[in-house]
PDB file of N, CA and C in Angstrom:
ATOM      1  N   VAL A   1     -23.534-105.193  -3.740  1.00  0.00           N
ATOM      2  CA  VAL A   1     -22.780-104.426  -4.642  1.00  0.00           C
ATOM      3  C   VAL A   1     -23.900-103.826  -5.646  1.00  0.00           C
ATOM      4  N   GLY A   2     -23.749-102.582  -5.920  1.00  0.00           N
ATOM      5  CA  GLY A   2     -24.707-101.860  -6.704  1.00  0.00           C
ATOM      6  C   GLY A   2     -24.458-102.122  -8.240  1.00  0.00           C
ATOM      7  N   TYR A   3     -25.443-101.598  -9.023  1.00  0.00           N
ATOM      8  CA  TYR A   3     -25.475-101.887 -10.445  1.00  0.00           C
ATOM      9  C   TYR A   3     -24.380-101.077 -11.145  1.00  0.00           C
ATOM     10  N   LEU A   4     -24.060 -99.855 -10.651  1.00  0.00           N
ATOM     11  CA  LEU A   4     -22.990 -99.066 -11.234  1.00  0.00           C
ATOM     12  C   LEU A   4     -21.605 -99.668 -10.910  1.00  0.00           C
ATOM     13  N   LYS A   5     -21.479-100.237  -9.753  1.00  0.00           N
ATOM     14  CA  LYS A   5     -20.144-100.942  -9.374  1.00  0.00           C
ATOM     15  C   LYS A   5     -19.884-102.190 -10.207  1.00  0.00           C
ATOM     16  N   ARG A   6     -21.078-102.901 -10.592  1.00  0.00           N
ATOM     17  CA  ARG A   6     -20.876-104.024 -11.471  1.00  0.00           C
ATOM     18  C   ARG A   6     -20.386-103.609 -12.816  1.00  0.00           C
ATOM     19  N   VAL A   7     -20.919-102.514 -13.249  1.00  0.00           N
ATOM     20  CA  VAL A   7     -20.645-102.063 -14.620  1.00  0.00           C
ATOM     21  C   VAL A   7     -19.212-101.475 -14.558  1.00  0.00           C
ATOM     22  N   TYR A   8     -18.838-100.778 -13.507  1.00  0.00           N
ATOM     23  CA  TYR A   8     -17.508-100.331 -13.355  1.00  0.00           C
ATOM     24  C   TYR A   8     -16.445-101.480 -13.453  1.00  0.00           C
ATOM     25  N   VAL A   9     -16.677-102.530 -12.696  1.00  0.00           N
ATOM     26  CA  VAL A   9     -15.738-103.684 -12.683  1.00  0.00           C
ATOM     27  C   VAL A   9     -15.635-104.235 -14.124  1.00  0.00           C
ATOM     28  N   SER A  10     -16.806-104.331 -14.813  1.00  0.00           N
ATOM     29  CA  SER A  10     -16.702-104.842 -16.215  1.00  0.00           C
ATOM     30  C   SER A  10     -15.859-103.816 -17.118  1.00  0.00           C
ATOM     31  N   GLY A  11     -16.083-102.582 -16.901  1.00  0.00           N
ATOM     32  CA  GLY A  11     -15.214-101.515 -17.783  1.00  0.00           C
ATOM     33  C   GLY A  11     -13.633-101.832 -17.338  1.00  0.00           C
ATOM     34  N   LEU A  12     -13.339-101.947 -16.055  1.00  0.00           N
ATOM     35  CA  LEU A  12     -12.072-102.276 -15.704  1.00  0.00           C
ATOM     36  C   LEU A  12     -11.410-103.550 -16.445  1.00  0.00           C
ATOM     37  N   PHE A  13     -12.303-104.568 -16.383  1.00  0.00           N
ATOM     38  CA  PHE A  13     -11.805-105.830 -17.261  1.00  0.00           C
ATOM     39  C   PHE A  13     -11.578-105.467 -18.649  1.00  0.00           C
ATOM     40  N   GLY A  14     -12.441-104.692 -19.197  1.00  0.00           N
ATOM     41  CA  GLY A  14     -12.199-104.328 -20.674  1.00  0.00           C
ATOM     42  C   GLY A  14     -11.101-103.396 -20.840  1.00  0.00           C
ATOM     43  N   LEU A  15     -10.694-102.606 -19.916  1.00  0.00           N
ATOM     44  CA  LEU A  15      -9.591-101.743 -20.051  1.00  0.00           C
ATOM     45  C   LEU A  15      -8.336-102.486 -19.958  1.00  0.00           C
ATOM     46  N   VAL A  16      -8.276-103.472 -18.934  1.00  0.00           N
ATOM     47  CA  VAL A  16      -7.072-104.446 -18.864  1.00  0.00           C
ATOM     48  C   VAL A  16      -7.043-105.232 -20.090  1.00  0.00           C
ATOM     49  N   ALA A  17      -8.102-105.870 -20.583  1.00  0.00           N
ATOM     50  CA  ALA A  17      -7.988-106.624 -21.725  1.00  0.00           C
ATOM     51  C   ALA A  17      -7.453-105.876 -22.946  1.00  0.00           C
ATOM     52  N   GLY A  18      -8.107-104.626 -23.113  1.00  0.00           N
ATOM     53  CA  GLY A  18      -7.607-103.908 -24.248  1.00  0.00           C
ATOM     54  C   GLY A  18      -6.120-103.493 -24.191  1.00  0.00           C
ATOM     55  N   ILE A  19      -5.646-103.145 -22.979  1.00  0.00           N
ATOM     56  CA  ILE A  19      -4.271-102.765 -22.923  1.00  0.00           C
ATOM     57  C   ILE A  19      -3.392-104.038 -23.146  1.00  0.00           C
ATOM     58  N   LEU A  20      -3.672-105.209 -22.536  1.00  0.00           N
ATOM     59  CA  LEU A  20      -2.910-106.422 -22.654  1.00  0.00           C
ATOM     60  C   LEU A  20      -3.042-106.959 -24.060  1.00  0.00           C
ATOM     61  N   GLY A  21      -4.013-106.778 -24.731  1.00  0.00           N
ATOM     62  CA  GLY A  21      -4.229-107.188 -26.094  1.00  0.00           C
ATOM     63  C   GLY A  21      -3.635-106.358 -27.203  1.00  0.00           C
ATOM     64  N   SER A  22      -3.315-105.077 -26.893  1.00  0.00           N
ATOM     65  CA  SER A  22      -2.915-104.119 -27.897  1.00  0.00           C
ATOM     66  C   SER A  22      -1.557-103.511 -27.700  1.00  0.00           C
ATOM     67  N   VAL A  23      -1.061-103.479 -26.590  1.00  0.00           N
ATOM     68  CA  VAL A  23       0.183-102.758 -26.304  1.00  0.00           C
ATOM     69  C   VAL A  23       1.327-103.480 -26.849  1.00  0.00           C
ATOM     70  N   TRP A  24       1.214-104.902 -26.901  1.00  0.00           N
ATOM     71  CA  TRP A  24       2.311-105.843 -27.400  1.00  0.00           C
ATOM     72  C   TRP A  24       2.453-105.550 -28.977  1.00  0.00           C
ATOM     73  N   MET A  25       1.346-105.238 -29.602  1.00  0.00           N
ATOM     74  CA  MET A  25       1.387-104.939 -31.050  1.00  0.00           C
ATOM     75  C   MET A  25       2.101-103.747 -31.309  1.00  0.00           C
ATOM     76  N   TRP A  26       1.874-102.695 -30.427  1.00  0.00           N
ATOM     77  CA  TRP A  26       2.476-101.372 -30.560  1.00  0.00           C
ATOM     78  C   TRP A  26       4.001-101.558 -30.343  1.00  0.00           C
ATOM     79  N   ASN A  27       4.409-102.310 -29.314  1.00  0.00           N
ATOM     80  CA  ASN A  27       5.703-102.639 -29.006  1.00  0.00           C
ATOM     81  C   ASN A  27       6.487-103.450 -30.020  1.00  0.00           C
ATOM     82  N   TRP A  28       5.910-104.543 -30.328  1.00  0.00           N
ATOM     83  CA  TRP A  28       6.745-105.515 -31.192  1.00  0.00           C
ATOM     84  C   TRP A  28       6.580-105.365 -32.636  1.00  0.00           C
ATOM     85  N   PHE A  29       5.447-105.037 -33.135  1.00  0.00           N
ATOM     86  CA  PHE A  29       5.120-104.823 -34.540  1.00  0.00           C
ATOM     87  C   PHE A  29       5.039-103.390 -35.012  1.00  0.00           C
ATOM     88  N   GLY A  30       5.321-102.428 -34.156  1.00  0.00           N
ATOM     89  CA  GLY A  30       5.216-101.007 -34.462  1.00  0.00           C
ATOM     90  C   GLY A  30       4.019-100.459 -34.986  1.00  0.00           C
ATOM     91  N   ALA A  31       2.886-100.998 -34.402  1.00  0.00           N
ATOM     92  CA  ALA A  31       1.619-100.435 -34.778  1.00  0.00           C
ATOM     93  C   ALA A  31       1.512 -99.016 -34.222  1.00  0.00           C
ATOM     94  N   GLY A  32       0.868 -98.163 -34.889  1.00  0.00           N
ATOM     95  CA  GLY A  32       0.845 -96.650 -34.489  1.00  0.00           C
ATOM     96  C   GLY A  32       0.074 -96.491 -33.294  1.00  0.00           C
ATOM     97  N   GLY A  33       0.473 -95.394 -32.508  1.00  0.00           N
ATOM     98  CA  GLY A  33      -0.111 -95.016 -31.301  1.00  0.00           C
ATOM     99  C   GLY A  33      -1.723 -94.746 -31.497  1.00  0.00           C
ATOM    100  N   ASP A  34      -2.144 -94.223 -32.608  1.00  0.00           N
ATOM    101  CA  ASP A  34      -3.496 -94.135 -32.854  1.00  0.00           C
ATOM    102  C   ASP A  34      -4.269 -95.479 -32.869  1.00  0.00           C
ATOM    103  N   TYR A  35      -3.677 -96.433 -33.541  1.00  0.00           N
ATOM    104  CA  TYR A  35      -4.246 -97.756 -33.705  1.00  0.00           C
ATOM    105  C   TYR A  35      -4.398 -98.432 -32.366  1.00  0.00           C
ATOM    106  N   THR A  36      -3.277 -98.272 -31.560  1.00  0.00           N
ATOM    107  CA  THR A  36      -3.214 -98.817 -30.223  1.00  0.00           C
ATOM    108  C   THR A  36      -4.368 -98.306 -29.274  1.00  0.00           C
ATOM    109  N   LEU A  37      -4.540 -96.928 -29.402  1.00  0.00           N
ATOM    110  CA  LEU A  37      -5.500 -96.186 -28.621  1.00  0.00           C
ATOM    111  C   LEU A  37      -6.922 -96.742 -28.993  1.00  0.00           C
ATOM    112  N   VAL A  38      -7.205 -96.764 -30.213  1.00  0.00           N
ATOM    113  CA  VAL A  38      -8.458 -97.268 -30.728  1.00  0.00           C
ATOM    114  C   VAL A  38      -8.703 -98.634 -30.296  1.00  0.00           C
ATOM    115  N   MET A  39      -7.767 -99.480 -30.288  1.00  0.00           N
ATOM    116  CA  MET A  39      -7.984-100.800 -29.972  1.00  0.00           C
ATOM    117  C   MET A  39      -8.275-101.051 -28.437  1.00  0.00           C
ATOM    118  N   ILE A  40      -7.702-100.168 -27.561  1.00  0.00           N
ATOM    119  CA  ILE A  40      -7.878-100.140 -26.155  1.00  0.00           C
ATOM    120  C   ILE A  40      -9.250 -99.625 -25.901  1.00  0.00           C
ATOM    121  N   LEU A  41      -9.591 -98.638 -26.518  1.00  0.00           N
ATOM    122  CA  LEU A  41     -11.050 -98.004 -26.409  1.00  0.00           C
ATOM    123  C   LEU A  41     -12.016 -99.031 -26.894  1.00  0.00           C
ATOM    124  N   ASP A  42     -11.842 -99.730 -27.927  1.00  0.00           N
ATOM    125  CA  ASP A  42     -12.658-100.753 -28.387  1.00  0.00           C
ATOM    126  C   ASP A  42     -12.980-101.800 -27.352  1.00  0.00           C
ATOM    127  N   GLY A  43     -11.895-102.290 -26.771  1.00  0.00           N
ATOM    128  CA  GLY A  43     -12.141-103.273 -25.691  1.00  0.00           C
ATOM    129  C   GLY A  43     -12.916-102.718 -24.461  1.00  0.00           C
ATOM    130  N   LEU A  44     -12.504-101.427 -24.162  1.00  0.00           N
ATOM    131  CA  LEU A  44     -13.222-100.834 -23.019  1.00  0.00           C
ATOM    132  C   LEU A  44     -14.662-100.617 -23.309  1.00  0.00           C
ATOM    133  N   ILE A  45     -15.091-100.102 -24.504  1.00  0.00           N
ATOM    134  CA  ILE A  45     -16.420 -99.782 -24.843  1.00  0.00           C
ATOM    135  C   ILE A  45     -17.322-101.169 -25.008  1.00  0.00           C
ATOM    136  N   GLY A  46     -16.650-102.182 -25.661  1.00  0.00           N
ATOM    137  CA  GLY A  46     -17.242-103.393 -25.671  1.00  0.00           C
ATOM    138  C   GLY A  46     -17.523-104.041 -24.391  1.00  0.00           C
ATOM    139  N   TYR A  47     -16.586-104.131 -23.491  1.00  0.00           N
ATOM    140  CA  TYR A  47     -16.926-104.646 -22.123  1.00  0.00           C
ATOM    141  C   TYR A  47     -17.839-103.822 -21.333  1.00  0.00           C
ATOM    142  N   LEU A  48     -17.890-102.514 -21.486  1.00  0.00           N
ATOM    143  CA  LEU A  48     -18.879-101.652 -20.771  1.00  0.00           C
ATOM    144  C   LEU A  48     -20.174-101.996 -21.318  1.00  0.00           C
ATOM    145  N   LEU A  49     -20.446-102.030 -22.631  1.00  0.00           N
ATOM    146  CA  LEU A  49     -21.758-102.269 -23.096  1.00  0.00           C
ATOM    147  C   LEU A  49     -22.259-103.675 -22.618  1.00  0.00           C
ATOM    148  N   ALA A  50     -21.375-104.689 -22.735  1.00  0.00           N
ATOM    149  CA  ALA A  50     -21.711-106.021 -22.194  1.00  0.00           C
ATOM    150  C   ALA A  50     -22.098-105.900 -20.683  1.00  0.00           C
ATOM    151  N   GLY A  51     -21.158-105.157 -20.017  1.00  0.00           N
ATOM    152  CA  GLY A  51     -21.419-104.982 -18.486  1.00  0.00           C
ATOM    153  C   GLY A  51     -22.731-104.369 -18.170  1.00  0.00           C
ATOM    154  N   ILE A  52     -23.184-103.415 -19.018  1.00  0.00           N
ATOM    155  CA  ILE A  52     -24.485-102.780 -18.809  1.00  0.00           C
ATOM    156  C   ILE A  52     -25.632-103.633 -18.810  1.00  0.00           C
ATOM    157  N   VAL A  53     -25.561-104.582 -19.715  1.00  0.00           N
ATOM    158  CA  VAL A  53     -26.567-105.597 -19.983  1.00  0.00           C
ATOM    159  C   VAL A  53     -26.448-106.802 -18.879  1.00  0.00           C
ATOM    160  N   ILE A  54     -25.317-107.106 -18.701  1.00  0.00           N
ATOM    161  CA  ILE A  54     -25.163-108.365 -17.727  1.00  0.00           C
ATOM    162  C   ILE A  54     -25.508-107.907 -16.330  1.00  0.00           C
ATOM    163  N   ALA A  55     -24.990-106.679 -16.014  1.00  0.00           N
ATOM    164  CA  ALA A  55     -25.267-106.279 -14.587  1.00  0.00           C
ATOM    165  C   ALA A  55     -26.720-106.093 -14.296  1.00  0.00           C
ATOM    166  N   GLY A  56     -27.517-105.933 -15.304  1.00  0.00           N
ATOM    167  CA  GLY A  56     -28.983-105.734 -15.009  1.00  0.00           C
ATOM    168  C   GLY A  56     -29.542-107.220 -14.693  1.00  0.00           C
ATOM    169  N   PHE A  57     -28.945-108.238 -15.334  1.00  0.00           N
ATOM    170  CA  PHE A  57     -29.405-109.676 -15.107  1.00  0.00           C
ATOM    171  C   PHE A  57     -28.742-110.199 -13.695  1.00  0.00           C
ATOM    172  N   VAL A  58     -27.590-109.837 -13.421  1.00  0.00           N
ATOM    173  CA  VAL A  58     -26.881-110.665 -12.314  1.00  0.00           C
ATOM    174  C   VAL A  58     -27.203-109.691 -11.104  1.00  0.00           C
ATOM    175  N   LYS A  59     -27.890-110.157 -10.086  1.00  0.00           N
ATOM    176  CA  LYS A  59     -28.145-109.734  -8.853  1.00  0.00           C
ATOM    177  C   LYS A  59     -27.556-110.321  -7.798  1.00  0.00           C
ATOM    178  N   PRO A  60     -26.921-109.516  -6.669  1.00  0.00           N
ATOM    179  CA  PRO A  60     -26.264-110.192  -5.684  1.00  0.00           C
ATOM    180  C   PRO A  60     -27.409-110.888  -4.780  1.00  0.00           C
ATOM    181  N   LYS A  61     -26.942-111.816  -4.032  1.00  0.00           N
ATOM    182  CA  LYS A  61     -27.824-112.523  -3.158  1.00  0.00           C
ATOM    183  C   LYS A  61     -28.118-111.598  -1.922  1.00  0.00           C
ATOM    184  N   PRO A  62     -29.396-111.492  -1.466  1.00  0.00           N
ATOM    185  CA  PRO A  62     -29.683-110.771  -0.292  1.00  0.00           C
ATOM    186  C   PRO A  62     -29.021-111.361   0.974  1.00  0.00           C
ATOM    187  N   ALA A  63     -28.680-110.341   1.775  1.00  0.00           N
ATOM    188  CA  ALA A  63     -27.951-110.729   3.054  1.00  0.00           C
ATOM    189  C   ALA A  63     -28.981-111.285   3.966  1.00  0.00           C
ATOM    190  N   ILE A  64     -28.500-112.299   4.836  1.00  0.00           N
ATOM    191  CA  ILE A  64     -29.373-113.071   5.567  1.00  0.00           C
ATOM    192  C   ILE A  64     -29.807-112.268   6.971  1.00  0.00           C
TER     193      ILE A  64
END
């Protein structure tokens, strides 16, 4: 698995976490759409930045 794929997976985790963590506030508490979008992007960007760093340290085991 290449570096960019590991970063991509990290970004997907951030997108899912941002959606699951913010959409319920929009639905149940009436948070605005702008707030919800910013919170989703915040999760996505945070996980992407962490993924960029972590993917550099985590290397797959070489094939035998």
